[in-house]
Amino acid sequence: MAQEFGPALRARRRAAGLSQRTVAARTGLDFTYISKLETGRLPPPAADTIVALCEVLDTAPEDLLALTQKIPSDVRQMVGRSTAAQRFLREAQRMALTEQEWARLLAALHRLREDAPER
């Protein structure tokens, strides 16, 4: 069974050793909002808010974003402006890549940039 956003957020906050009030203060959110997110009384926030929470919690935002099926606005804008990026993602969708294949593709992307001559 897939993990829900609220419990996942709570687990990451606790793992970071932070209180709801501390997370709220560092993100500019109200602590009652954090509480309601963690208990599932509110739906997951916007993608950019999830990224801000993850920055405070020192955790990869992709984990929580994937639970909500949301994409941060900066990523959405970059992909929206690039026909090549859209073709790439459309082909990845057509191929129905597995999580392992996505991870291998990410590693290959890093190698590609490392092997590239200086710009």
C-alpha atoms as a PDB file:
ATOM      1  CA  MET A   1       0.000   0.000   0.000  1.00  0.00           C
ATOM      2  CA  ALA A   2       1.329   3.430  -0.945  1.00  0.00           C
ATOM      3  CA  GLN A   3       2.208   5.769   1.883  1.00  0.00           C
ATOM      4  CA  GLU A   4       0.070   8.858   2.311  1.00  0.00           C
ATOM      5  CA  PHE A   5       1.487  12.364   2.309  1.00  0.00           C
ATOM      6  CA  GLY A   6       0.639  13.328   5.908  1.00  0.00           C
ATOM      7  CA  PRO A   7       2.288  10.373   7.643  1.00  0.00           C
ATOM      8  CA  ALA A   8       5.274  10.635   5.291  1.00  0.00           C
ATOM      9  CA  LEU A   9       5.703  14.311   6.172  1.00  0.00           C
ATOM     10  CA  ARG A  10       5.425  13.539   9.878  1.00  0.00           C
ATOM     11  CA  ALA A  11       8.017  10.750   9.620  1.00  0.00           C
ATOM     12  CA  ARG A  12      10.490  13.022   7.850  1.00  0.00           C
ATOM     13  CA  ARG A  13       9.916  15.834  10.347  1.00  0.00           C
ATOM     14  CA  ARG A  14      10.496  13.502  13.273  1.00  0.00           C
ATOM     15  CA  ALA A  15      13.571  12.009  11.602  1.00  0.00           C
ATOM     16  CA  ALA A  16      14.930  15.546  11.279  1.00  0.00           C
ATOM     17  CA  GLY A  17      14.301  16.060  15.004  1.00  0.00           C
ATOM     18  CA  LEU A  18      12.146  19.142  14.429  1.00  0.00           C
ATOM     19  CA  SER A  19       8.883  20.216  16.009  1.00  0.00           C
ATOM     20  CA  GLN A  20       5.912  21.340  13.976  1.00  0.00           C
ATOM     21  CA  ARG A  21       6.460  24.864  15.287  1.00  0.00           C
ATOM     22  CA  THR A  22      10.093  24.861  14.137  1.00  0.00           C
ATOM     23  CA  VAL A  23       9.162  23.628  10.659  1.00  0.00           C
ATOM     24  CA  ALA A  24       6.392  26.216  10.500  1.00  0.00           C
ATOM     25  CA  ALA A  25       8.703  29.040  11.532  1.00  0.00           C
ATOM     26  CA  ARG A  26      11.380  28.045   9.020  1.00  0.00           C
ATOM     27  CA  THR A  27       8.897  27.775   6.150  1.00  0.00           C
ATOM     28  CA  GLY A  28       6.698  30.730   7.043  1.00  0.00           C
ATOM     29  CA  LEU A  29       3.691  28.451   7.503  1.00  0.00           C
ATOM     30  CA  ASP A  30       1.388  28.228  10.501  1.00  0.00           C
ATOM     31  CA  PHE A  31       2.112  25.291  12.808  1.00  0.00           C
ATOM     32  CA  THR A  32      -1.570  24.329  12.839  1.00  0.00           C
ATOM     33  CA  TYR A  33      -1.331  23.986   9.054  1.00  0.00           C
ATOM     34  CA  ILE A  34       1.603  21.574   9.467  1.00  0.00           C
ATOM     35  CA  SER A  35      -0.413  19.610  12.023  1.00  0.00           C
ATOM     36  CA  LYS A  36      -3.424  19.381   9.716  1.00  0.00           C
ATOM     37  CA  LEU A  37      -1.218  18.233   6.834  1.00  0.00           C
ATOM     38  CA  GLU A  38       0.359  15.515   8.951  1.00  0.00           C
ATOM     39  CA  THR A  39      -2.982  14.209  10.193  1.00  0.00           C
ATOM     40  CA  GLY A  40      -4.536  14.282   6.737  1.00  0.00           C
ATOM     41  CA  ARG A  41      -7.170  16.845   7.696  1.00  0.00           C
ATOM     42  CA  LEU A  42      -5.940  18.946   4.781  1.00  0.00           C
ATOM     43  CA  PRO A  43      -4.903  17.762   1.327  1.00  0.00           C
ATOM     44  CA  PRO A  44      -1.231  17.964   0.384  1.00  0.00           C
ATOM     45  CA  PRO A  45      -0.043  21.500  -0.347  1.00  0.00           C
ATOM     46  CA  ALA A  46       1.177  22.912  -3.644  1.00  0.00           C
ATOM     47  CA  ALA A  47       4.359  21.428  -5.066  1.00  0.00           C
ATOM     48  CA  ASP A  48       6.464  24.495  -4.250  1.00  0.00           C
ATOM     49  CA  THR A  49       5.339  24.318  -0.606  1.00  0.00           C
ATOM     50  CA  ILE A  50       6.351  20.657  -0.506  1.00  0.00           C
ATOM     51  CA  VAL A  51       9.788  21.639  -1.820  1.00  0.00           C
ATOM     52  CA  ALA A  52      10.094  24.323   0.891  1.00  0.00           C
ATOM     53  CA  LEU A  53       9.140  21.799   3.587  1.00  0.00           C
ATOM     54  CA  CYS A  54      11.699  19.323   2.272  1.00  0.00           C
ATOM     55  CA  GLU A  55      14.429  21.965   2.301  1.00  0.00           C
ATOM     56  CA  VAL A  56      13.781  22.559   6.000  1.00  0.00           C
ATOM     57  CA  LEU A  57      13.637  18.809   6.658  1.00  0.00           C
ATOM     58  CA  ASP A  58      16.814  18.187   4.615  1.00  0.00           C
ATOM     59  CA  THR A  59      15.071  15.511   2.579  1.00  0.00           C
ATOM     60  CA  ALA A  60      14.681  14.907  -1.144  1.00  0.00           C
ATOM     61  CA  PRO A  61      11.500  16.618  -2.322  1.00  0.00           C
ATOM     62  CA  GLU A  62      10.912  14.002  -5.019  1.00  0.00           C
ATOM     63  CA  ASP A  63       9.846  11.447  -2.426  1.00  0.00           C
ATOM     64  CA  LEU A  64       6.983  13.581  -1.135  1.00  0.00           C
ATOM     65  CA  LEU A  65       6.182  15.049  -4.546  1.00  0.00           C
ATOM     66  CA  ALA A  66       5.748  11.569  -5.993  1.00  0.00           C
ATOM     67  CA  LEU A  67       3.200  10.775  -3.272  1.00  0.00           C
ATOM     68  CA  THR A  68       1.122  13.733  -4.436  1.00  0.00           C
ATOM     69  CA  GLN A  69       1.824  13.431  -8.166  1.00  0.00           C
ATOM     70  CA  LYS A  70       2.858  17.097  -8.246  1.00  0.00           C
ATOM     71  CA  ILE A  71       5.696  18.860 -10.055  1.00  0.00           C
ATOM     72  CA  PRO A  72       7.379  22.051  -8.819  1.00  0.00           C
ATOM     73  CA  SER A  73       6.662  25.176 -10.870  1.00  0.00           C
ATOM     74  CA  ASP A  74      10.309  25.672 -11.912  1.00  0.00           C
ATOM     75  CA  VAL A  75      10.446  22.138 -13.349  1.00  0.00           C
ATOM     76  CA  ARG A  76       7.059  22.521 -15.036  1.00  0.00           C
ATOM     77  CA  GLN A  77       8.143  25.835 -16.603  1.00  0.00           C
ATOM     78  CA  MET A  78      11.438  24.407 -17.878  1.00  0.00           C
ATOM     79  CA  VAL A  79       9.731  21.409 -19.445  1.00  0.00           C
ATOM     80  CA  GLY A  80       6.969  23.612 -20.831  1.00  0.00           C
ATOM     81  CA  ARG A  81       9.502  25.753 -22.709  1.00  0.00           C
ATOM     82  CA  SER A  82      11.485  22.864 -24.178  1.00  0.00           C
ATOM     83  CA  THR A  83      10.187  20.805 -27.072  1.00  0.00           C
ATOM     84  CA  ALA A  84      13.080  18.372 -26.609  1.00  0.00           C
ATOM     85  CA  ALA A  85      12.208  17.871 -22.932  1.00  0.00           C
ATOM     86  CA  GLN A  86       8.590  17.252 -23.827  1.00  0.00           C
ATOM     87  CA  ARG A  87       9.571  14.729 -26.528  1.00  0.00           C
ATOM     88  CA  PHE A  88      11.890  13.029 -24.037  1.00  0.00           C
ATOM     89  CA  LEU A  89       9.179  12.728 -21.389  1.00  0.00           C
ATOM     90  CA  ARG A  90       6.585  11.602 -23.919  1.00  0.00           C
ATOM     91  CA  GLU A  91       8.947   8.829 -25.072  1.00  0.00           C
ATOM     92  CA  ALA A  92       9.693   7.838 -21.468  1.00  0.00           C
ATOM     93  CA  GLN A  93       5.943   7.630 -20.891  1.00  0.00           C
ATOM     94  CA  ARG A  94       5.452   5.545 -24.025  1.00  0.00           C
ATOM     95  CA  MET A  95       8.182   3.169 -22.858  1.00  0.00           C
ATOM     96  CA  ALA A  96       6.621   2.901 -19.369  1.00  0.00           C
ATOM     97  CA  LEU A  97       9.990   3.119 -17.620  1.00  0.00           C
ATOM     98  CA  THR A  98      10.349   1.373 -14.277  1.00  0.00           C
ATOM     99  CA  GLU A  99      11.673   3.171 -11.202  1.00  0.00           C
ATOM    100  CA  GLN A 100      14.981   1.345 -11.685  1.00  0.00           C
ATOM    101  CA  GLU A 101      15.174   2.462 -15.323  1.00  0.00           C
ATOM    102  CA  TRP A 102      14.510   6.069 -14.289  1.00  0.00           C
ATOM    103  CA  ALA A 103      17.350   5.797 -11.749  1.00  0.00           C
ATOM    104  CA  ARG A 104      19.701   4.407 -14.411  1.00  0.00           C
ATOM    105  CA  LEU A 105      18.681   7.196 -16.768  1.00  0.00           C
ATOM    106  CA  LEU A 106      19.424   9.783 -14.086  1.00  0.00           C
ATOM    107  CA  ALA A 107      22.883   8.276 -13.538  1.00  0.00           C
ATOM    108  CA  ALA A 108      23.500   8.375 -17.295  1.00  0.00           C
ATOM    109  CA  LEU A 109      22.432  12.024 -17.369  1.00  0.00           C
ATOM    110  CA  HIS A 110      25.010  12.873 -14.707  1.00  0.00           C
ATOM    111  CA  ARG A 111      27.699  10.983 -16.626  1.00  0.00           C
ATOM    112  CA  LEU A 112      26.746  12.853 -19.802  1.00  0.00           C
ATOM    113  CA  ARG A 113      27.256  16.202 -18.098  1.00  0.00           C
ATOM    114  CA  GLU A 114      30.542  15.068 -16.488  1.00  0.00           C
ATOM    115  CA  ASP A 115      31.908  13.946 -19.863  1.00  0.00           C
ATOM    116  CA  ALA A 116      30.851  17.137 -21.635  1.00  0.00           C
ATOM    117  CA  PRO A 117      33.521  19.704 -22.486  1.00  0.00           C
ATOM    118  CA  GLU A 118      33.467  22.959 -20.528  1.00  0.00           C
ATOM    119  CA  ARG A 119      30.893  25.410 -21.807  1.00  0.00           C
END
